[in-house]
C-alpha atoms as a PDB file:
ATOM      1  CA  MET A   1     106.792 137.669 162.826  1.00  0.00           C
ATOM      2  CA  GLU A   2     104.467 134.691 162.500  1.00  0.00           C
ATOM      3  CA  PRO A   3     100.961 135.334 161.197  1.00  0.00           C
ATOM      4  CA  THR A   4      98.334 134.321 163.725  1.00  0.00           C
ATOM      5  CA  THR A   5      95.913 133.066 161.096  1.00  0.00           C
ATOM      6  CA  THR A   6      96.856 131.940 157.627  1.00  0.00           C
ATOM      7  CA  ILE A   7      95.250 133.301 154.509  1.00  0.00           C
ATOM      8  CA  ARG A   8      93.960 129.818 153.718  1.00  0.00           C
ATOM      9  CA  ALA A   9      92.367 129.518 157.160  1.00  0.00           C
ATOM     10  CA  GLU A  10      90.756 132.954 156.760  1.00  0.00           C
ATOM     11  CA  LEU A  11      89.404 131.902 153.363  1.00  0.00           C
ATOM     12  CA  GLU A  12      88.007 128.646 154.726  1.00  0.00           C
ATOM     13  CA  ASN A  13      86.415 130.455 157.695  1.00  0.00           C
ATOM     14  CA  PHE A  14      84.831 133.047 155.395  1.00  0.00           C
ATOM     15  CA  MET A  15      83.392 130.318 153.167  1.00  0.00           C
ATOM     16  CA  LYS A  16      81.988 128.435 156.187  1.00  0.00           C
ATOM     17  CA  GLN A  17      80.488 131.551 157.766  1.00  0.00           C
ATOM     18  CA  ASN A  18      78.816 132.518 154.498  1.00  0.00           C
ATOM     19  CA  GLU A  19      77.869 128.951 153.584  1.00  0.00           C
ATOM     20  CA  LEU A  20      79.773 129.098 150.306  1.00  0.00           C
ATOM     21  CA  ASN A  21      81.354 126.141 148.617  1.00  0.00           C
ATOM     22  CA  ILE A  22      84.478 126.479 146.499  1.00  0.00           C
ATOM     23  CA  THR A  23      82.523 126.954 143.266  1.00  0.00           C
ATOM     24  CA  GLN A  24      80.274 129.628 144.748  1.00  0.00           C
ATOM     25  CA  PHE A  25      83.205 131.520 146.243  1.00  0.00           C
ATOM     26  CA  GLY A  26      85.057 131.305 142.934  1.00  0.00           C
ATOM     27  CA  LEU A  27      82.101 132.810 141.096  1.00  0.00           C
ATOM     28  CA  VAL A  28      81.725 135.646 143.614  1.00  0.00           C
ATOM     29  CA  ALA A  29      85.470 136.382 143.677  1.00  0.00           C
ATOM     30  CA  ASP A  30      85.892 135.906 139.913  1.00  0.00           C
ATOM     31  CA  ILE A  31      88.510 133.199 140.451  1.00  0.00           C
ATOM     32  CA  ASN A  32      88.377 129.826 138.719  1.00  0.00           C
ATOM     33  CA  PRO A  33      86.921 127.306 141.204  1.00  0.00           C
ATOM     34  CA  GLY A  34      89.790 124.906 140.457  1.00  0.00           C
ATOM     35  CA  THR A  35      92.211 127.634 141.439  1.00  0.00           C
ATOM     36  CA  VAL A  36      90.273 128.290 144.654  1.00  0.00           C
ATOM     37  CA  SER A  37      90.411 124.575 145.417  1.00  0.00           C
ATOM     38  CA  GLY A  38      94.180 124.540 144.839  1.00  0.00           C
ATOM     39  CA  ILE A  39      94.623 127.546 147.124  1.00  0.00           C
ATOM     40  CA  VAL A  40      92.513 126.028 149.904  1.00  0.00           C
ATOM     41  CA  THR A  41      94.305 122.675 149.752  1.00  0.00           C
ATOM     42  CA  GLY A  42      97.718 124.317 149.561  1.00  0.00           C
ATOM     43  CA  ASN A  43      98.525 122.820 146.174  1.00  0.00           C
ATOM     44  CA  ARG A  44      98.669 126.172 144.395  1.00  0.00           C
ATOM     45  CA  THR A  45     100.589 129.334 145.102  1.00  0.00           C
ATOM     46  CA  LEU A  46      98.499 132.436 145.432  1.00  0.00           C
ATOM     47  CA  SER A  47      99.098 135.394 143.105  1.00  0.00           C
ATOM     48  CA  VAL A  48      98.707 138.988 144.280  1.00  0.00           C
ATOM     49  CA  GLN A  49      95.742 139.451 141.935  1.00  0.00           C
ATOM     50  CA  GLN A  50      94.009 136.417 143.442  1.00  0.00           C
ATOM     51  CA  LEU A  51      94.881 137.645 146.930  1.00  0.00           C
ATOM     52  CA  ASP A  52      93.326 141.026 146.162  1.00  0.00           C
ATOM     53  CA  ARG A  53      90.148 139.339 144.893  1.00  0.00           C
ATOM     54  CA  ILE A  54      89.932 137.166 147.999  1.00  0.00           C
ATOM     55  CA  THR A  55      90.510 140.234 150.186  1.00  0.00           C
ATOM     56  CA  ALA A  56      87.781 142.245 148.450  1.00  0.00           C
ATOM     57  CA  THR A  57      85.311 139.358 148.490  1.00  0.00           C
ATOM     58  CA  SER A  58      85.967 138.802 152.195  1.00  0.00           C
ATOM     59  CA  GLY A  59      85.161 142.448 152.897  1.00  0.00           C
ATOM     60  CA  HIS A  60      88.622 143.402 154.124  1.00  0.00           C
ATOM     61  CA  PRO A  61      90.416 146.607 153.082  1.00  0.00           C
ATOM     62  CA  ASN A  62      93.014 146.542 150.300  1.00  0.00           C
ATOM     63  CA  GLY A  63      96.319 145.151 151.489  1.00  0.00           C
ATOM     64  CA  TYR A  64      94.800 143.446 154.526  1.00  0.00           C
ATOM     65  CA  PHE A  65      96.620 140.155 153.863  1.00  0.00           C
ATOM     66  CA  TYR A  66      99.902 141.512 152.443  1.00  0.00           C
ATOM     67  CA  LYS A  67     101.951 140.919 155.593  1.00  0.00           C
ATOM     68  CA  ASN A  68     100.567 137.388 155.818  1.00  0.00           C
ATOM     69  CA  TYR A  69     101.299 136.857 152.119  1.00  0.00           C
ATOM     70  CA  ILE A  70     104.917 137.872 152.603  1.00  0.00           C
ATOM     71  CA  GLU A  71     105.297 135.503 155.555  1.00  0.00           C
ATOM     72  CA  GLU A  72     103.414 132.574 154.029  1.00  0.00           C
ATOM     73  CA  PHE A  73     104.429 132.685 150.375  1.00  0.00           C
ATOM     74  CA  LEU A  74     107.483 134.856 149.824  1.00  0.00           C
ATOM     75  CA  SER A  75     109.699 134.185 152.821  1.00  0.00           C
ATOM     76  CA  ALA A  76     109.402 130.405 152.490  1.00  0.00           C
ATOM     77  CA  THR A  77     110.794 130.246 148.951  1.00  0.00           C
ATOM     78  CA  THR A  78     113.065 132.144 146.619  1.00  0.00           C
ATOM     79  CA  PRO A  79     110.977 135.155 145.571  1.00  0.00           C
ATOM     80  CA  ASN A  80     109.797 135.200 141.989  1.00  0.00           C
ATOM     81  CA  ILE A  81     109.842 138.665 140.390  1.00  0.00           C
ATOM     82  CA  ARG A  82     106.467 137.925 138.759  1.00  0.00           C
ATOM     83  CA  ARG A  83     104.959 137.619 142.234  1.00  0.00           C
ATOM     84  CA  VAL A  84     107.026 140.269 143.975  1.00  0.00           C
ATOM     85  CA  ARG A  85     106.639 143.135 141.483  1.00  0.00           C
ATOM     86  CA  PRO A  86     102.825 143.463 141.753  1.00  0.00           C
ATOM     87  CA  LEU A  87     103.073 143.202 145.522  1.00  0.00           C
ATOM     88  CA  PHE A  88     105.650 146.011 145.663  1.00  0.00           C
ATOM     89  CA  TYR A  89     103.538 148.233 143.425  1.00  0.00           C
ATOM     90  CA  HIS A  90     100.387 147.634 145.452  1.00  0.00           C
ATOM     91  CA  CYS A  91     102.219 148.182 148.745  1.00  0.00           C
ATOM     92  CA  ALA A  92     103.612 151.468 147.420  1.00  0.00           C
ATOM     93  CA  GLU A  93     100.157 152.578 146.230  1.00  0.00           C
ATOM     94  CA  LEU A  94      98.705 151.797 149.671  1.00  0.00           C
ATOM     95  CA  ASN A  95     101.646 153.433 151.473  1.00  0.00           C
ATOM     96  CA  MET A  96     102.497 150.105 153.138  1.00  0.00           C
ATOM     97  CA  LEU A  97     106.234 150.720 152.869  1.00  0.00           C
ATOM     98  CA  ASP A  98     107.012 148.435 155.822  1.00  0.00           C
ATOM     99  CA  CYS A  99     105.972 145.473 153.644  1.00  0.00           C
ATOM    100  CA  ILE A 100     108.493 146.462 150.979  1.00  0.00           C
ATOM    101  CA  GLU A 101     111.350 146.468 153.480  1.00  0.00           C
END
């Protein structure tokens, strides 16, 4: 299953629609602006905590981007337990068991 829109594209669209630059978005989302820049440019891997902050700031429900996250970040590389564990816990809490499969 290919995601139709990437998380990065969604983030960029949200920032454009709300006329936020990287620094402003970082302050609102409580993410270091340098980290936001790295995420937008694709130079930094996104953590689940950062994903949850982006999701909340964008006004989406919890877990909204989890399927995209799995496709974009976890299936492309060897999964790292530090990234996978929080995702599994959050998916279980949200009853998104299909993401755990």
